[in-house]
């Protein structure tokens, strides 16, 4: 979930241009019909690294969290370190397509489809979500970061 300001198109062509187009396409999906569900758990440390000139990112997270198909939870620093994984995305598709786990670790992108791997990462996600603040409290925390 990036604002238009953060996702400005790069000059020239190449892989950066392709990534920009992919980001804009993914963003448009949340306004399509039927709307997919997105539930994000974001580490507070990641939010603290957003510089003031990109505060629109925080505003955008708050705005998107009010959508009926989008939930945003913050995993606060006060609940300890949670370095179990880098970026973790669990994608549930309509049958016959399998559930897929996408991991972004270091410089690699991994797609996992084995049932044992799916179950493991579903448990990881469940623990992260249980440790995170509820949606409304997450909005309040993000709003507090905007006020600083």
Foldseek 3Di string as FASTA:
>chain_A
DADCVVLPADPDDDPSNVVSVVVVVVVCQCVDPPHAAEEEEAEVVVLLPQDLVRLVRLVVVLVVCPDPRYFYWYQYCVLDDLPPADDWDWDPDDPPDAIWIWGCDDPDIDIDGDPVVNVVVVVSVVVSVVNTDGRVVRNVVSVVSNVD
